[in-house]
C-alpha atoms as a PDB file:
ATOM      1  CA  MET A   1     -22.497 -39.174  37.199  1.00  0.00           C
ATOM      2  CA  ILE A   2     -23.171 -39.101  33.504  1.00  0.00           C
ATOM      3  CA  ARG A   3     -20.102 -40.773  31.695  1.00  0.00           C
ATOM      4  CA  VAL A   4     -19.038 -38.901  28.357  1.00  0.00           C
ATOM      5  CA  CYS A   5     -16.868 -39.861  25.336  1.00  0.00           C
ATOM      6  CA  VAL A   6     -15.826 -36.926  23.128  1.00  0.00           C
ATOM      7  CA  ALA A   7     -14.865 -38.145  19.475  1.00  0.00           C
ATOM      8  CA  GLY A   8     -12.804 -35.539  18.015  1.00  0.00           C
ATOM      9  CA  ILE A   9     -11.109 -34.474  21.194  1.00  0.00           C
ATOM     10  CA  THR A  10      -7.895 -32.802  19.978  1.00  0.00           C
ATOM     11  CA  GLY A  11      -9.907 -30.761  17.102  1.00  0.00           C
ATOM     12  CA  TRP A  12     -11.073 -27.143  17.635  1.00  0.00           C
ATOM     13  CA  THR A  13     -14.232 -28.065  18.863  1.00  0.00           C
ATOM     14  CA  GLY A  14     -13.942 -31.051  20.456  1.00  0.00           C
ATOM     15  CA  GLY A  15     -11.236 -29.798  22.871  1.00  0.00           C
ATOM     16  CA  PRO A  16     -13.470 -27.174  24.547  1.00  0.00           C
ATOM     17  CA  VAL A  17     -16.416 -29.606  24.683  1.00  0.00           C
ATOM     18  CA  ALA A  18     -13.964 -31.995  26.526  1.00  0.00           C
ATOM     19  CA  ASP A  19     -12.922 -29.054  28.822  1.00  0.00           C
ATOM     20  CA  ALA A  20     -16.611 -28.337  29.703  1.00  0.00           C
ATOM     21  CA  VAL A  21     -17.212 -31.922  30.404  1.00  0.00           C
ATOM     22  CA  ARG A  22     -14.287 -31.923  32.727  1.00  0.00           C
ATOM     23  CA  SER A  23     -15.242 -28.818  34.847  1.00  0.00           C
ATOM     24  CA  ALA A  24     -19.115 -29.954  35.133  1.00  0.00           C
ATOM     25  CA  ASP A  25     -20.027 -31.494  38.496  1.00  0.00           C
ATOM     26  CA  ASP A  26     -22.088 -33.950  36.982  1.00  0.00           C
ATOM     27  CA  LEU A  27     -20.257 -35.131  34.032  1.00  0.00           C
ATOM     28  CA  GLU A  28     -17.130 -37.543  33.801  1.00  0.00           C
ATOM     29  CA  LEU A  29     -14.728 -37.739  30.650  1.00  0.00           C
ATOM     30  CA  VAL A  30     -14.420 -41.283  30.344  1.00  0.00           C
ATOM     31  CA  ALA A  31     -12.649 -41.370  26.969  1.00  0.00           C
ATOM     32  CA  GLY A  32     -11.430 -39.261  23.903  1.00  0.00           C
ATOM     33  CA  VAL A  33     -10.847 -40.454  20.540  1.00  0.00           C
ATOM     34  CA  SER A  34      -8.639 -38.762  18.079  1.00  0.00           C
ATOM     35  CA  ARG A  35      -6.780 -40.069  15.037  1.00  0.00           C
ATOM     36  CA  ALA A  36      -3.304 -38.130  15.823  1.00  0.00           C
ATOM     37  CA  HIS A  37      -2.909 -38.378  19.561  1.00  0.00           C
ATOM     38  CA  PRO A  38      -1.486 -41.567  21.167  1.00  0.00           C
ATOM     39  CA  GLY A  39      -2.888 -40.716  24.388  1.00  0.00           C
ATOM     40  CA  HIS A  40      -6.804 -41.216  23.265  1.00  0.00           C
ATOM     41  CA  TYR A  41      -8.436 -44.232  21.209  1.00  0.00           C
ATOM     42  CA  SER A  42      -8.187 -44.226  17.846  1.00  0.00           C
ATOM     43  CA  SER A  43     -11.815 -44.904  16.726  1.00  0.00           C
ATOM     44  CA  VAL A  44     -15.275 -44.433  18.243  1.00  0.00           C
ATOM     45  CA  ALA A  45     -15.993 -48.231  18.014  1.00  0.00           C
ATOM     46  CA  ASP A  46     -12.715 -48.800  20.308  1.00  0.00           C
ATOM     47  CA  ALA A  47     -13.735 -46.341  22.917  1.00  0.00           C
ATOM     48  CA  LEU A  48     -17.375 -47.458  23.300  1.00  0.00           C
ATOM     49  CA  ASP A  49     -16.293 -51.075  23.517  1.00  0.00           C
ATOM     50  CA  ALA A  50     -13.588 -50.058  26.159  1.00  0.00           C
ATOM     51  CA  VAL A  51     -15.554 -47.584  28.432  1.00  0.00           C
ATOM     52  CA  ALA A  52     -19.503 -47.938  27.639  1.00  0.00           C
ATOM     53  CA  PRO A  53     -20.100 -44.488  27.940  1.00  0.00           C
ATOM     54  CA  ASP A  54     -23.581 -42.899  28.401  1.00  0.00           C
ATOM     55  CA  VAL A  55     -23.053 -40.186  26.075  1.00  0.00           C
ATOM     56  CA  LEU A  56     -21.092 -39.767  23.003  1.00  0.00           C
ATOM     57  CA  VAL A  57     -20.510 -36.384  21.604  1.00  0.00           C
ATOM     58  CA  ASP A  58     -19.196 -36.685  18.191  1.00  0.00           C
ATOM     59  CA  TYR A  59     -17.313 -33.920  16.638  1.00  0.00           C
ATOM     60  CA  THR A  60     -15.034 -35.758  13.884  1.00  0.00           C
ATOM     61  CA  HIS A  61     -16.469 -35.562  10.389  1.00  0.00           C
ATOM     62  CA  ALA A  62     -20.129 -35.741   9.107  1.00  0.00           C
ATOM     63  CA  SER A  63     -19.575 -38.534   6.898  1.00  0.00           C
ATOM     64  CA  THR A  64     -18.990 -40.667   9.990  1.00  0.00           C
ATOM     65  CA  VAL A  65     -21.324 -39.219  12.319  1.00  0.00           C
ATOM     66  CA  ASP A  66     -24.309 -41.555  11.111  1.00  0.00           C
ATOM     67  CA  ALA A  67     -21.998 -44.797  11.646  1.00  0.00           C
ATOM     68  CA  ASN A  68     -20.887 -43.723  15.017  1.00  0.00           C
ATOM     69  CA  VAL A  69     -24.215 -43.194  16.467  1.00  0.00           C
ATOM     70  CA  ARG A  70     -25.466 -46.479  15.044  1.00  0.00           C
ATOM     71  CA  ARG A  71     -22.593 -48.123  16.495  1.00  0.00           C
ATOM     72  CA  ARG A  72     -23.655 -46.386  19.983  1.00  0.00           C
ATOM     73  CA  SER A  73     -27.289 -47.198  19.341  1.00  0.00           C
ATOM     74  CA  SER A  74     -26.410 -51.028  18.750  1.00  0.00           C
ATOM     75  CA  ALA A  75     -24.200 -50.966  22.128  1.00  0.00           C
ATOM     76  CA  ALA A  76     -26.665 -49.584  23.804  1.00  0.00           C
ATOM     77  CA  SER A  77     -29.481 -51.781  22.727  1.00  0.00           C
ATOM     78  CA  ALA A  78     -27.253 -54.881  23.616  1.00  0.00           C
ATOM     79  CA  SER A  79     -26.544 -53.725  26.964  1.00  0.00           C
ATOM     80  CA  SER A  80     -30.029 -52.685  28.027  1.00  0.00           C
ATOM     81  CA  SER A  81     -30.858 -55.905  29.140  1.00  0.00           C
ATOM     82  CA  ALA A  82     -28.346 -55.709  32.028  1.00  0.00           C
ATOM     83  CA  ARG A  83     -29.655 -52.238  32.990  1.00  0.00           C
ATOM     84  CA  ALA A  84     -32.733 -51.249  35.081  1.00  0.00           C
ATOM     85  CA  GLY A  85     -35.176 -48.994  33.635  1.00  0.00           C
ATOM     86  CA  SER A  86     -35.365 -47.693  29.819  1.00  0.00           C
ATOM     87  CA  ALA A  87     -32.578 -48.116  27.611  1.00  0.00           C
ATOM     88  CA  PRO A  88     -30.655 -45.079  26.394  1.00  0.00           C
ATOM     89  CA  ARG A  89     -31.559 -43.511  23.186  1.00  0.00           C
ATOM     90  CA  SER A  90     -29.113 -41.780  20.677  1.00  0.00           C
ATOM     91  CA  THR A  91     -30.431 -39.668  18.401  1.00  0.00           C
ATOM     92  CA  THR A  92     -28.821 -37.259  15.546  1.00  0.00           C
ATOM     93  CA  ARG A  93     -29.847 -34.381  13.955  1.00  0.00           C
ATOM     94  CA  SER A  94     -28.275 -32.475  11.069  1.00  0.00           C
ATOM     95  CA  THR A  95     -29.086 -28.714  10.517  1.00  0.00           C
ATOM     96  CA  PRO A  96     -27.400 -26.837   7.546  1.00  0.00           C
ATOM     97  CA  TRP A  97     -25.555 -23.416   8.670  1.00  0.00           C
ATOM     98  CA  PRO A  98     -27.955 -20.810   8.314  1.00  0.00           C
ATOM     99  CA  ALA A  99     -27.657 -18.466   5.248  1.00  0.00           C
ATOM    100  CA  SER A 100     -26.207 -15.379   5.695  1.00  0.00           C
ATOM    101  CA  THR A 101     -29.201 -12.895   6.596  1.00  0.00           C
ATOM    102  CA  ALA A 102     -26.927  -9.633   6.321  1.00  0.00           C
ATOM    103  CA  SER A 103     -28.025  -7.323   3.488  1.00  0.00           C
ATOM    104  CA  GLY A 104     -25.653  -5.469   1.624  1.00  0.00           C
END
């Protein structure tokens, strides 16, 4: 079972992502991050420290994603000595929204 944390879980995209994780047979939603909802962690750092997920899906804000991924990478590196096999990798990719191709 792959343990997943969704940051931005109460947002327009994060909510459906969390629903998809919940409905998948091989995924387990172990944490959600929301600044506004008291039933979730209020920061990615708190969630990562509390539940140590295998995957972080970050639908917060572009200005915070890089710091969150770096935090996840640091946490994975620190715990990799306790795990067998290779350490988990975290990557981020920023792709700009494609320009409109409609001709008018």
